[in-house]
Amino acid sequence: MGKAIVVGADISDQSHEALKWTLANMYQDGDIIHLVHCFRPLQPAVGPHYSYVPTEEEQANWRRQQAKVLEENMVEAKKLKADVHYKSVLIAGDPRDEIIAYGEKEGAVAIVVGNRGRGALKRAFLGSVSSYLVHHSQNIPVVVVHCKHEEESK
C-alpha cells in the first residue's frame, strides 16, 4: 500500500497549485491523495439589536455547499491526473486543528497546502492556516506551496 498524502482542498488557486505540486513532486504510483476540505459550521451571532442562531436546515444547506466545493476539487484533481487514487474528505471544524488531526489519524507522510499570500499584518491579525500547520504539526512534515503569480508580484 502506498503513502497517504494530505492536500488541503478548496476552490482557490492556491489549493490547485498545492495539488499540482504534490502530483509533480511527491506522488508515486500507489499513493493515496487525501483531498481534505475543512469548513467552519455557521455560528450564532448576537448584536445590540439582533441575534441569529442558524437553523438545522441552514446548517445542512451550508454543509451541502461545502460538499460541492469538495466535488469541484475532485473534478479538477481528476483533470490533472486521472489515474491517481484520490480520497475526498469533508470535515466540519477549524482547518488548523482538523487537518493535523486527520493527517495523524491516516498516518500521512506529509500535509501539503497552498499559501494565500497575505501580508505580515493580515497574518498577524487573521492568522494563517499554513503558518499554523507549519508551527503545530509535530509528527507530519508540512509543505507550503506558493502560487507562481504571487511570487511574480513580489
N, C-alpha and C. Protein backbone atom coordinates (compact mmCIF):
# COMPACT_ATOMS: atom_id res chain seq x y z
N MET A 1 0.85 -1.19 0.00
CA MET A 1 0.00 0.00 0.00
C MET A 1 0.88 1.23 0.00
N GLY A 2 0.47 2.24 -0.73
CA GLY A 2 1.25 3.47 -0.85
C GLY A 2 1.09 4.39 0.34
N LYS A 3 1.71 5.53 0.22
CA LYS A 3 1.70 6.53 1.28
C LYS A 3 0.42 7.36 1.21
N ALA A 4 0.04 7.89 2.38
CA ALA A 4 -1.08 8.83 2.46
C ALA A 4 -0.50 10.24 2.44
N ILE A 5 -0.99 11.06 1.53
CA ILE A 5 -0.57 12.47 1.44
C ILE A 5 -1.83 13.32 1.57
N VAL A 6 -1.85 14.22 2.54
CA VAL A 6 -3.00 15.09 2.76
C VAL A 6 -2.77 16.40 2.01
N VAL A 7 -3.75 16.80 1.21
CA VAL A 7 -3.70 18.07 0.50
C VAL A 7 -4.91 18.89 0.91
N GLY A 8 -4.66 20.10 1.41
CA GLY A 8 -5.76 21.00 1.77
C GLY A 8 -6.49 21.42 0.51
N ALA A 9 -7.82 21.26 0.52
CA ALA A 9 -8.60 21.48 -0.70
C ALA A 9 -9.69 22.52 -0.50
N ASP A 10 -9.68 23.51 -1.36
CA ASP A 10 -10.80 24.43 -1.52
C ASP A 10 -10.78 24.82 -3.00
N ILE A 11 -11.53 25.82 -3.38
CA ILE A 11 -11.57 26.14 -4.82
C ILE A 11 -10.62 27.27 -5.19
N SER A 12 -9.63 27.51 -4.36
CA SER A 12 -8.69 28.59 -4.62
C SER A 12 -7.57 28.15 -5.57
N ASP A 13 -6.93 29.14 -6.18
CA ASP A 13 -5.75 28.87 -7.00
C ASP A 13 -4.65 28.23 -6.15
N GLN A 14 -4.55 28.65 -4.91
CA GLN A 14 -3.50 28.13 -4.02
C GLN A 14 -3.68 26.64 -3.78
N SER A 15 -4.90 26.22 -3.58
CA SER A 15 -5.18 24.80 -3.38
C SER A 15 -4.84 24.01 -4.64
N HIS A 16 -5.20 24.56 -5.78
CA HIS A 16 -4.91 23.91 -7.07
C HIS A 16 -3.40 23.76 -7.26
N GLU A 17 -2.65 24.81 -6.94
CA GLU A 17 -1.19 24.76 -7.05
C GLU A 17 -0.60 23.72 -6.09
N ALA A 18 -1.16 23.62 -4.89
CA ALA A 18 -0.68 22.63 -3.92
C ALA A 18 -0.87 21.22 -4.47
N LEU A 19 -2.02 20.96 -5.08
CA LEU A 19 -2.26 19.64 -5.66
C LEU A 19 -1.32 19.38 -6.83
N LYS A 20 -1.16 20.37 -7.72
CA LYS A 20 -0.24 20.19 -8.85
C LYS A 20 1.17 19.90 -8.36
N TRP A 21 1.62 20.63 -7.33
CA TRP A 21 2.95 20.42 -6.78
C TRP A 21 3.08 19.00 -6.21
N THR A 22 2.05 18.56 -5.50
CA THR A 22 2.06 17.22 -4.91
C THR A 22 2.19 16.15 -5.98
N LEU A 23 1.41 16.28 -7.04
CA LEU A 23 1.45 15.30 -8.13
C LEU A 23 2.81 15.29 -8.82
N ALA A 24 3.42 16.45 -8.98
CA ALA A 24 4.70 16.55 -9.68
C ALA A 24 5.89 16.16 -8.82
N ASN A 25 5.80 16.36 -7.51
CA ASN A 25 6.99 16.23 -6.67
C ASN A 25 6.94 15.16 -5.58
N MET A 26 5.77 14.75 -5.18
CA MET A 26 5.67 13.78 -4.07
C MET A 26 5.01 12.47 -4.46
N TYR A 27 4.00 12.57 -5.28
CA TYR A 27 3.18 11.41 -5.59
C TYR A 27 3.98 10.33 -6.30
N GLN A 28 3.76 9.09 -5.85
CA GLN A 28 4.30 7.92 -6.53
C GLN A 28 3.15 6.94 -6.73
N ASP A 29 3.24 6.12 -7.76
CA ASP A 29 2.18 5.14 -8.01
C ASP A 29 1.85 4.38 -6.74
N GLY A 30 0.56 4.26 -6.47
CA GLY A 30 0.11 3.53 -5.29
C GLY A 30 -0.21 4.42 -4.10
N ASP A 31 0.27 5.65 -4.12
CA ASP A 31 -0.04 6.57 -3.03
C ASP A 31 -1.51 6.97 -3.07
N ILE A 32 -2.01 7.43 -1.94
CA ILE A 32 -3.38 7.94 -1.86
C ILE A 32 -3.32 9.42 -1.50
N ILE A 33 -3.94 10.23 -2.33
CA ILE A 33 -4.01 11.66 -2.04
C ILE A 33 -5.36 11.95 -1.40
N HIS A 34 -5.29 12.42 -0.18
CA HIS A 34 -6.49 12.76 0.58
C HIS A 34 -6.76 14.25 0.37
N LEU A 35 -7.80 14.57 -0.39
CA LEU A 35 -8.21 15.96 -0.58
C LEU A 35 -9.11 16.33 0.59
N VAL A 36 -8.61 17.14 1.50
CA VAL A 36 -9.32 17.46 2.73
C VAL A 36 -9.84 18.89 2.67
N HIS A 37 -11.15 19.02 2.75
CA HIS A 37 -11.78 20.35 2.79
C HIS A 37 -12.42 20.53 4.15
N CYS A 38 -11.93 21.49 4.90
CA CYS A 38 -12.49 21.82 6.22
C CYS A 38 -13.30 23.10 6.10
N PHE A 39 -14.40 23.11 6.82
CA PHE A 39 -15.22 24.32 6.85
C PHE A 39 -15.73 24.55 8.26
N ARG A 40 -15.91 25.80 8.58
CA ARG A 40 -16.45 26.15 9.89
C ARG A 40 -17.97 26.16 9.80
N PRO A 41 -18.66 25.45 10.72
CA PRO A 41 -20.13 25.50 10.73
C PRO A 41 -20.61 26.93 10.99
N LEU A 42 -21.82 27.22 10.56
CA LEU A 42 -22.41 28.53 10.83
C LEU A 42 -22.50 28.72 12.34
N GLN A 43 -22.18 29.92 12.79
CA GLN A 43 -22.15 30.21 14.22
C GLN A 43 -23.25 31.19 14.60
N PRO A 44 -23.79 31.06 15.81
CA PRO A 44 -24.74 32.06 16.29
C PRO A 44 -24.05 33.42 16.37
N ALA A 45 -24.84 34.47 16.18
CA ALA A 45 -24.31 35.83 16.27
C ALA A 45 -25.28 36.67 17.11
N VAL A 46 -24.71 37.50 17.96
CA VAL A 46 -25.53 38.36 18.81
C VAL A 46 -25.00 39.77 18.72
N GLY A 47 -25.88 40.71 18.52
CA GLY A 47 -25.51 42.12 18.48
C GLY A 47 -26.46 42.91 19.36
N PRO A 48 -26.25 44.21 19.46
CA PRO A 48 -27.09 45.02 20.34
C PRO A 48 -28.57 45.02 19.92
N HIS A 49 -28.86 44.86 18.62
CA HIS A 49 -30.24 44.94 18.15
C HIS A 49 -30.69 43.69 17.40
N TYR A 50 -29.91 42.65 17.46
CA TYR A 50 -30.30 41.44 16.74
C TYR A 50 -29.63 40.22 17.37
N SER A 51 -30.15 39.09 17.03
CA SER A 51 -29.47 37.83 17.34
C SER A 51 -29.81 36.85 16.21
N TYR A 52 -28.91 35.93 16.00
CA TYR A 52 -29.09 34.96 14.93
C TYR A 52 -28.57 33.61 15.40
N VAL A 53 -29.41 32.63 15.29
CA VAL A 53 -29.00 31.26 15.57
C VAL A 53 -29.35 30.45 14.33
N PRO A 54 -28.35 29.87 13.68
CA PRO A 54 -28.63 29.12 12.46
C PRO A 54 -29.52 27.90 12.74
N THR A 55 -30.46 27.67 11.85
CA THR A 55 -31.34 26.51 11.99
C THR A 55 -30.62 25.26 11.50
N GLU A 56 -31.19 24.12 11.81
CA GLU A 56 -30.62 22.86 11.31
C GLU A 56 -30.63 22.84 9.78
N GLU A 57 -31.68 23.39 9.20
CA GLU A 57 -31.77 23.43 7.74
C GLU A 57 -30.67 24.31 7.14
N GLU A 58 -30.40 25.46 7.76
CA GLU A 58 -29.33 26.33 7.28
C GLU A 58 -27.97 25.64 7.41
N GLN A 59 -27.76 24.93 8.51
CA GLN A 59 -26.50 24.18 8.69
C GLN A 59 -26.37 23.10 7.61
N ALA A 60 -27.49 22.41 7.34
CA ALA A 60 -27.46 21.35 6.32
C ALA A 60 -27.17 21.94 4.94
N ASN A 61 -27.79 23.09 4.63
CA ASN A 61 -27.52 23.74 3.34
C ASN A 61 -26.06 24.17 3.24
N TRP A 62 -25.52 24.70 4.33
CA TRP A 62 -24.12 25.12 4.36
C TRP A 62 -23.21 23.92 4.12
N ARG A 63 -23.51 22.80 4.76
CA ARG A 63 -22.70 21.58 4.57
C ARG A 63 -22.78 21.11 3.11
N ARG A 64 -23.98 21.18 2.52
CA ARG A 64 -24.12 20.78 1.11
C ARG A 64 -23.29 21.69 0.20
N GLN A 65 -23.27 22.99 0.49
CA GLN A 65 -22.45 23.91 -0.30
C GLN A 65 -20.97 23.55 -0.19
N GLN A 66 -20.54 23.18 1.01
CA GLN A 66 -19.15 22.81 1.21
C GLN A 66 -18.83 21.49 0.52
N ALA A 67 -19.80 20.57 0.52
CA ALA A 67 -19.60 19.30 -0.19
C ALA A 67 -19.43 19.54 -1.69
N LYS A 68 -20.15 20.55 -2.22
CA LYS A 68 -19.99 20.90 -3.64
C LYS A 68 -18.58 21.40 -3.93
N VAL A 69 -18.03 22.18 -3.00
CA VAL A 69 -16.65 22.66 -3.15
C VAL A 69 -15.72 21.46 -3.28
N LEU A 70 -15.92 20.47 -2.43
CA LEU A 70 -15.07 19.28 -2.46
C LEU A 70 -15.27 18.50 -3.76
N GLU A 71 -16.51 18.41 -4.23
CA GLU A 71 -16.77 17.74 -5.50
C GLU A 71 -16.04 18.45 -6.65
N GLU A 72 -16.06 19.79 -6.64
CA GLU A 72 -15.36 20.56 -7.66
C GLU A 72 -13.85 20.28 -7.60
N ASN A 73 -13.33 20.14 -6.39
CA ASN A 73 -11.92 19.81 -6.24
C ASN A 73 -11.61 18.45 -6.83
N MET A 74 -12.49 17.50 -6.63
CA MET A 74 -12.27 16.16 -7.14
C MET A 74 -12.28 16.17 -8.67
N VAL A 75 -13.19 16.92 -9.26
CA VAL A 75 -13.25 17.03 -10.73
C VAL A 75 -11.94 17.62 -11.25
N GLU A 76 -11.48 18.70 -10.62
CA GLU A 76 -10.23 19.34 -11.04
C GLU A 76 -9.04 18.41 -10.85
N ALA A 77 -9.03 17.67 -9.74
CA ALA A 77 -7.93 16.74 -9.47
C ALA A 77 -7.85 15.67 -10.55
N LYS A 78 -9.00 15.12 -10.93
CA LYS A 78 -9.01 14.07 -11.95
C LYS A 78 -8.60 14.61 -13.32
N LYS A 79 -8.85 15.91 -13.56
CA LYS A 79 -8.38 16.52 -14.81
C LYS A 79 -6.86 16.60 -14.83
N LEU A 80 -6.27 16.85 -13.68
CA LEU A 80 -4.81 16.94 -13.60
C LEU A 80 -4.16 15.58 -13.82
N LYS A 81 -4.71 14.56 -13.15
CA LYS A 81 -4.14 13.21 -13.26
C LYS A 81 -5.23 12.23 -12.85
N ALA A 82 -5.79 11.55 -13.82
CA ALA A 82 -6.97 10.72 -13.58
C ALA A 82 -6.66 9.39 -12.91
N ASP A 83 -5.46 8.86 -13.10
CA ASP A 83 -5.18 7.51 -12.61
C ASP A 83 -4.64 7.49 -11.17
N VAL A 84 -4.92 8.53 -10.41
CA VAL A 84 -4.47 8.62 -9.02
C VAL A 84 -5.61 8.16 -8.11
N HIS A 85 -5.25 7.51 -7.01
CA HIS A 85 -6.26 7.16 -6.01
C HIS A 85 -6.46 8.38 -5.11
N TYR A 86 -7.59 9.07 -5.32
CA TYR A 86 -7.94 10.23 -4.51
C TYR A 86 -8.99 9.81 -3.49
N LYS A 87 -8.92 10.41 -2.33
CA LYS A 87 -9.96 10.24 -1.32
C LYS A 87 -10.41 11.64 -0.92
N SER A 88 -11.71 11.92 -1.06
CA SER A 88 -12.21 13.24 -0.69
C SER A 88 -12.78 13.19 0.72
N VAL A 89 -12.42 14.20 1.51
CA VAL A 89 -12.80 14.22 2.93
C VAL A 89 -13.34 15.60 3.27
N LEU A 90 -14.56 15.63 3.81
CA LEU A 90 -15.21 16.86 4.24
C LEU A 90 -15.27 16.86 5.77
N ILE A 91 -14.71 17.90 6.39
CA ILE A 91 -14.65 17.96 7.85
C ILE A 91 -15.18 19.31 8.32
N ALA A 92 -16.12 19.26 9.27
CA ALA A 92 -16.63 20.49 9.89
C ALA A 92 -15.74 20.82 11.09
N GLY A 93 -15.16 22.00 11.08
CA GLY A 93 -14.31 22.41 12.20
C GLY A 93 -13.23 23.38 11.74
N ASP A 94 -12.37 23.72 12.66
CA ASP A 94 -11.27 24.64 12.39
C ASP A 94 -10.22 23.92 11.55
N PRO A 95 -9.94 24.41 10.34
CA PRO A 95 -8.99 23.70 9.47
C PRO A 95 -7.61 23.53 10.09
N ARG A 96 -7.21 24.46 10.93
CA ARG A 96 -5.87 24.38 11.54
C ARG A 96 -5.74 23.10 12.37
N ASP A 97 -6.74 22.82 13.17
CA ASP A 97 -6.68 21.63 14.02
C ASP A 97 -7.09 20.37 13.28
N GLU A 98 -8.12 20.49 12.46
CA GLU A 98 -8.69 19.31 11.81
C GLU A 98 -7.75 18.68 10.79
N ILE A 99 -7.01 19.49 10.05
CA ILE A 99 -6.10 18.93 9.04
C ILE A 99 -5.00 18.13 9.72
N ILE A 100 -4.45 18.66 10.80
CA ILE A 100 -3.41 17.93 11.53
C ILE A 100 -3.98 16.64 12.11
N ALA A 101 -5.13 16.72 12.76
CA ALA A 101 -5.74 15.53 13.38
C ALA A 101 -6.04 14.47 12.33
N TYR A 102 -6.56 14.88 11.18
CA TYR A 102 -6.86 13.93 10.12
C TYR A 102 -5.58 13.28 9.60
N GLY A 103 -4.56 14.09 9.36
CA GLY A 103 -3.29 13.56 8.88
C GLY A 103 -2.70 12.54 9.83
N GLU A 104 -2.76 12.82 11.12
CA GLU A 104 -2.23 11.88 12.11
C GLU A 104 -3.05 10.59 12.13
N LYS A 105 -4.37 10.72 12.05
CA LYS A 105 -5.24 9.54 12.05
C LYS A 105 -4.96 8.63 10.85
N GLU A 106 -4.68 9.24 9.71
CA GLU A 106 -4.45 8.48 8.48
C GLU A 106 -2.99 8.06 8.28
N GLY A 107 -2.11 8.47 9.18
CA GLY A 107 -0.69 8.13 9.04
C GLY A 107 -0.05 8.83 7.85
N ALA A 108 -0.45 10.05 7.58
CA ALA A 108 0.06 10.79 6.42
C ALA A 108 1.56 11.04 6.53
N VAL A 109 2.22 10.99 5.39
CA VAL A 109 3.66 11.28 5.34
C VAL A 109 3.91 12.77 5.13
N ALA A 110 2.87 13.51 4.71
CA ALA A 110 3.01 14.95 4.51
C ALA A 110 1.64 15.60 4.44
N ILE A 111 1.63 16.88 4.79
CA ILE A 111 0.47 17.74 4.58
C ILE A 111 0.92 18.82 3.61
N VAL A 112 0.18 18.99 2.52
CA VAL A 112 0.55 19.98 1.51
C VAL A 112 -0.59 20.99 1.40
N VAL A 113 -0.25 22.27 1.55
CA VAL A 113 -1.26 23.33 1.46
C VAL A 113 -0.72 24.47 0.62
N GLY A 114 -1.63 25.25 0.08
CA GLY A 114 -1.25 26.46 -0.63
C GLY A 114 -1.17 27.62 0.34
N ASN A 115 -0.52 28.68 -0.10
CA ASN A 115 -0.37 29.88 0.71
C ASN A 115 -1.18 30.99 0.06
N ARG A 116 -2.02 31.63 0.83
CA ARG A 116 -2.88 32.70 0.30
C ARG A 116 -2.12 33.99 0.03
N GLY A 117 -0.90 34.11 0.50
CA GLY A 117 -0.10 35.28 0.19
C GLY A 117 -0.49 36.53 0.95
N ARG A 118 -1.06 36.36 2.14
CA ARG A 118 -1.39 37.53 2.95
C ARG A 118 -0.12 38.21 3.41
N GLY A 119 -0.20 39.50 3.59
CA GLY A 119 0.92 40.25 4.13
C GLY A 119 1.10 39.96 5.62
N ALA A 120 2.20 40.44 6.18
CA ALA A 120 2.51 40.18 7.58
C ALA A 120 1.44 40.73 8.52
N LEU A 121 0.90 41.88 8.22
CA LEU A 121 -0.11 42.48 9.10
C LEU A 121 -1.39 41.64 9.12
N LYS A 122 -1.86 41.23 7.95
CA LYS A 122 -3.06 40.40 7.90
C LYS A 122 -2.83 39.06 8.59
N ARG A 123 -1.65 38.47 8.38
CA ARG A 123 -1.34 37.20 9.05
C ARG A 123 -1.37 37.37 10.56
N ALA A 124 -0.85 38.50 11.05
CA ALA A 124 -0.80 38.74 12.49
C ALA A 124 -2.20 38.83 13.08
N PHE A 125 -3.11 39.49 12.38
CA PHE A 125 -4.46 39.66 12.92
C PHE A 125 -5.39 38.50 12.59
N LEU A 126 -5.32 38.00 11.38
CA LEU A 126 -6.23 36.97 10.94
C LEU A 126 -5.67 35.56 11.12
N GLY A 127 -4.38 35.46 11.21
CA GLY A 127 -3.78 34.14 11.29
C GLY A 127 -3.66 33.54 9.90
N SER A 128 -2.97 32.46 9.81
CA SER A 128 -2.77 31.78 8.54
C SER A 128 -2.81 30.29 8.81
N VAL A 129 -3.66 29.60 8.07
CA VAL A 129 -3.74 28.15 8.25
C VAL A 129 -2.38 27.51 7.97
N SER A 130 -1.74 27.91 6.88
CA SER A 130 -0.45 27.30 6.54
C SER A 130 0.59 27.57 7.62
N SER A 131 0.63 28.78 8.13
CA SER A 131 1.58 29.11 9.20
C SER A 131 1.30 28.29 10.45
N TYR A 132 0.04 28.16 10.80
CA TYR A 132 -0.34 27.37 11.97
C TYR A 132 0.11 25.92 11.80
N LEU A 133 -0.16 25.35 10.62
CA LEU A 133 0.20 23.96 10.37
C LEU A 133 1.71 23.76 10.50
N VAL A 134 2.48 24.67 9.93
CA VAL A 134 3.94 24.57 10.00
C VAL A 134 4.41 24.56 11.44
N HIS A 135 3.83 25.39 12.27
CA HIS A 135 4.29 25.53 13.65
C HIS A 135 3.69 24.52 14.63
N HIS A 136 2.59 23.87 14.27
CA HIS A 136 1.93 22.99 15.23
C HIS A 136 1.87 21.52 14.82
N SER A 137 2.23 21.19 13.61
CA SER A 137 2.25 19.79 13.21
C SER A 137 3.56 19.17 13.70
N GLN A 138 3.46 18.38 14.75
CA GLN A 138 4.66 17.82 15.37
C GLN A 138 5.13 16.53 14.73
N ASN A 139 4.21 15.79 14.12
CA ASN A 139 4.56 14.46 13.61
C ASN A 139 4.56 14.34 12.10
N ILE A 140 4.03 15.35 11.42
CA ILE A 140 3.90 15.27 9.96
C ILE A 140 4.54 16.50 9.34
N PRO A 141 5.45 16.31 8.39
CA PRO A 141 6.02 17.48 7.70
C PRO A 141 4.93 18.22 6.92
N VAL A 142 5.05 19.54 6.89
CA VAL A 142 4.10 20.39 6.16
C VAL A 142 4.83 21.09 5.03
N VAL A 143 4.26 21.00 3.83
CA VAL A 143 4.80 21.69 2.67
C VAL A 143 3.83 22.82 2.32
N VAL A 144 4.35 24.03 2.23
CA VAL A 144 3.54 25.19 1.84
C VAL A 144 3.95 25.59 0.43
N VAL A 145 3.01 25.51 -0.49
CA VAL A 145 3.27 25.80 -1.90
C VAL A 145 2.80 27.23 -2.20
N HIS A 146 3.70 28.02 -2.74
CA HIS A 146 3.37 29.39 -3.12
C HIS A 146 2.94 29.42 -4.58
N CYS A 147 1.89 30.15 -4.88
CA CYS A 147 1.44 30.29 -6.27
C CYS A 147 2.46 31.08 -7.07
N LYS A 148 2.63 30.73 -8.32
CA LYS A 148 3.58 31.42 -9.19
C LYS A 148 3.24 32.89 -9.32
N HIS A 149 1.95 33.23 -9.49
CA HIS A 149 1.61 34.64 -9.67
C HIS A 149 1.87 35.44 -8.41
N GLU A 150 1.84 34.81 -7.25
CA GLU A 150 2.21 35.51 -6.01
C GLU A 150 3.70 35.82 -6.01
N GLU A 151 4.49 34.86 -6.45
CA GLU A 151 5.94 35.05 -6.45
C GLU A 151 6.33 36.16 -7.42
N GLU A 152 5.64 36.21 -8.58
CA GLU A 152 5.97 37.21 -9.58
C GLU A 152 5.64 38.63 -9.12
N SER A 153 4.64 38.75 -8.23
CA SER A 153 4.23 40.09 -7.79
C SER A 153 5.06 40.62 -6.64
N LYS A 154 6.00 39.84 -6.14
CA LYS A 154 6.83 40.28 -5.01
C LYS A 154 8.01 41.08 -5.47
